[in-house]
Amino acid sequence: MGLIKMMLLFLLFLFLEFYLLVRVVYLFGVGFLLIELGLSALAGVLILKWVGRGWLKRIKLSLVDGELPAGDILNGFLVYLGAIFLLFPGIISDIIGVLLVFSLTRQLLKHAFWWILVKLYGARTHYEYF
């Protein structure tokens, strides 16, 4: 994907975020928006703190047992990414963050991601590890 396409996609994302924030303020008021943004940021910080404690411990235990911790690495990374999205102010970023934090939706997103890689690039990977 070219740099210009990525920049246009990012600008579209910012425009949609701003539009939704304005709509939420119009429909529910500034107070509701501030509470939503504050709670999502707090959830992001707590998730980062929670994941940080257990993620590396699980990876170390897997390595000690002689197992490949690829699934733990990918899951931990996606939860971290979801928590960071929760820290960003915006409705779309909060939705993406929640989808990445919850295990069921994270698994569905991982399957969709690998399906897209195989379809677009003919990727041959060790999918069974994930």
Protein backbone atom coordinates (compact mmCIF):
# COMPACT_ATOMS: atom_id res chain seq x y z
CA MET A 1 0.00 0.00 0.00
CA GLY A 2 1.44 3.32 -1.03
CA LEU A 3 2.25 6.11 1.33
CA ILE A 4 -0.42 8.39 -0.14
CA LYS A 5 -3.11 5.73 0.30
CA MET A 6 -2.06 5.22 3.91
CA MET A 7 -2.14 8.96 4.56
CA LEU A 8 -5.61 9.22 3.00
CA LEU A 9 -6.81 6.27 5.08
CA PHE A 10 -5.43 7.90 8.23
CA LEU A 11 -7.12 11.22 7.35
CA LEU A 12 -10.39 9.40 6.76
CA PHE A 13 -10.01 7.72 10.16
CA LEU A 14 -9.39 11.10 11.84
CA PHE A 15 -12.36 12.65 10.06
CA LEU A 16 -14.67 9.82 11.14
CA GLU A 17 -13.41 10.03 14.73
CA PHE A 18 -14.02 13.76 14.83
CA TYR A 19 -17.45 13.41 13.21
CA LEU A 20 -18.52 10.78 15.74
CA LEU A 21 -17.25 12.86 18.65
CA VAL A 22 -19.29 15.83 17.43
CA ARG A 23 -22.37 13.59 17.00
CA VAL A 24 -21.99 12.17 20.52
CA VAL A 25 -21.72 15.68 21.97
CA TYR A 26 -24.76 16.77 19.98
CA LEU A 27 -26.86 13.75 21.04
CA PHE A 28 -25.72 13.18 24.63
CA GLY A 29 -23.81 16.26 25.73
CA VAL A 30 -20.25 17.10 26.66
CA GLY A 31 -20.53 15.44 30.07
CA PHE A 32 -21.29 12.05 28.57
CA LEU A 33 -18.38 12.36 26.15
CA LEU A 34 -15.95 13.30 28.93
CA ILE A 35 -17.10 10.37 31.07
CA GLU A 36 -16.76 7.96 28.12
CA LEU A 37 -13.29 9.22 27.25
CA GLY A 38 -12.17 9.12 30.88
CA LEU A 39 -13.48 5.61 31.49
CA SER A 40 -11.98 4.23 28.30
CA ALA A 41 -8.59 5.80 29.12
CA LEU A 42 -8.75 4.38 32.65
CA ALA A 43 -9.61 0.95 31.25
CA GLY A 44 -6.67 1.21 28.85
CA VAL A 45 -4.24 2.04 31.66
CA LEU A 46 -5.54 -0.78 33.87
CA ILE A 47 -5.35 -3.30 31.03
CA LEU A 48 -1.78 -2.24 30.23
CA LYS A 49 -0.85 -2.72 33.87
CA TRP A 50 -2.68 -6.08 34.11
CA VAL A 51 -1.25 -7.51 30.89
CA GLY A 52 2.27 -6.35 31.68
CA ARG A 53 2.40 -8.43 34.83
CA GLY A 54 1.27 -11.73 33.38
CA TRP A 55 2.31 -11.61 29.75
CA LEU A 56 6.07 -11.95 30.14
CA LYS A 57 5.63 -14.54 32.89
CA ARG A 58 3.59 -16.79 30.56
CA ILE A 59 6.18 -16.41 27.80
CA LYS A 60 9.03 -17.31 30.17
CA LEU A 61 7.13 -20.38 31.44
CA SER A 62 6.49 -21.53 27.87
CA LEU A 63 10.16 -21.17 26.99
CA VAL A 64 11.22 -23.05 30.12
CA ASP A 65 8.84 -25.89 29.17
CA GLY A 66 10.42 -25.98 25.71
CA GLU A 67 7.33 -24.72 23.90
CA LEU A 68 7.10 -22.05 21.26
CA PRO A 69 5.23 -19.10 22.84
CA ALA A 70 4.04 -17.63 19.51
CA GLY A 71 0.39 -17.64 20.57
CA ASP A 72 1.18 -15.91 23.86
CA ILE A 73 3.32 -13.32 22.10
CA LEU A 74 0.63 -12.50 19.54
CA ASN A 75 -2.19 -12.44 22.09
CA GLY A 76 -0.23 -10.23 24.45
CA PHE A 77 0.69 -7.87 21.63
CA LEU A 78 -2.95 -7.59 20.49
CA VAL A 79 -4.16 -6.91 24.03
CA TYR A 80 -1.47 -4.24 24.40
CA LEU A 81 -2.55 -2.74 21.09
CA GLY A 82 -6.18 -2.79 22.22
CA ALA A 83 -5.28 -1.04 25.47
CA ILE A 84 -3.38 1.63 23.54
CA PHE A 85 -6.41 2.15 21.29
CA LEU A 86 -8.50 2.63 24.44
CA LEU A 87 -6.12 5.38 25.52
CA PHE A 88 -6.74 7.33 22.29
CA PRO A 89 -9.70 9.71 22.48
CA GLY A 90 -12.38 8.65 20.05
CA ILE A 91 -15.28 6.32 19.49
CA ILE A 92 -13.80 4.21 16.67
CA SER A 93 -10.51 3.73 18.50
CA ASP A 94 -12.46 2.63 21.61
CA ILE A 95 -14.41 0.08 19.56
CA ILE A 96 -11.20 -1.28 18.03
CA GLY A 97 -9.61 -1.39 21.49
CA VAL A 98 -12.50 -3.33 23.01
CA LEU A 99 -12.51 -5.78 20.09
CA LEU A 100 -8.80 -6.44 20.59
CA VAL A 101 -9.00 -6.81 24.36
CA PHE A 102 -11.74 -9.46 24.50
CA SER A 103 -10.56 -12.98 23.75
CA LEU A 104 -13.42 -14.09 21.47
CA THR A 105 -13.27 -11.09 19.16
CA ARG A 106 -9.46 -11.14 19.23
CA GLN A 107 -9.52 -14.73 17.97
CA LEU A 108 -11.95 -13.80 15.19
CA LEU A 109 -9.75 -10.87 14.17
CA LYS A 110 -6.67 -13.11 14.10
CA HIS A 111 -8.44 -15.60 11.82
CA ALA A 112 -9.61 -12.78 9.55
CA PHE A 113 -6.09 -11.34 9.45
CA TRP A 114 -4.53 -14.67 8.43
CA TRP A 115 -7.28 -15.28 5.86
CA ILE A 116 -6.52 -11.89 4.29
CA LEU A 117 -2.78 -12.63 4.26
CA VAL A 118 -3.32 -15.95 2.54
CA LYS A 119 -5.73 -14.48 -0.02
CA LEU A 120 -3.66 -11.41 -0.83
CA TYR A 121 -0.14 -12.74 -0.63
CA GLY A 122 -0.46 -16.50 -0.68
CA ALA A 123 1.23 -16.50 2.72
CA ARG A 124 2.34 -19.86 4.00
CA THR A 125 2.78 -19.58 7.73
CA HIS A 126 2.78 -21.74 10.80
CA TYR A 127 -0.79 -20.75 11.58
CA GLU A 128 -1.28 -23.64 13.99
CA TYR A 129 0.97 -21.86 16.52
CA PHE A 130 -1.47 -18.96 16.72
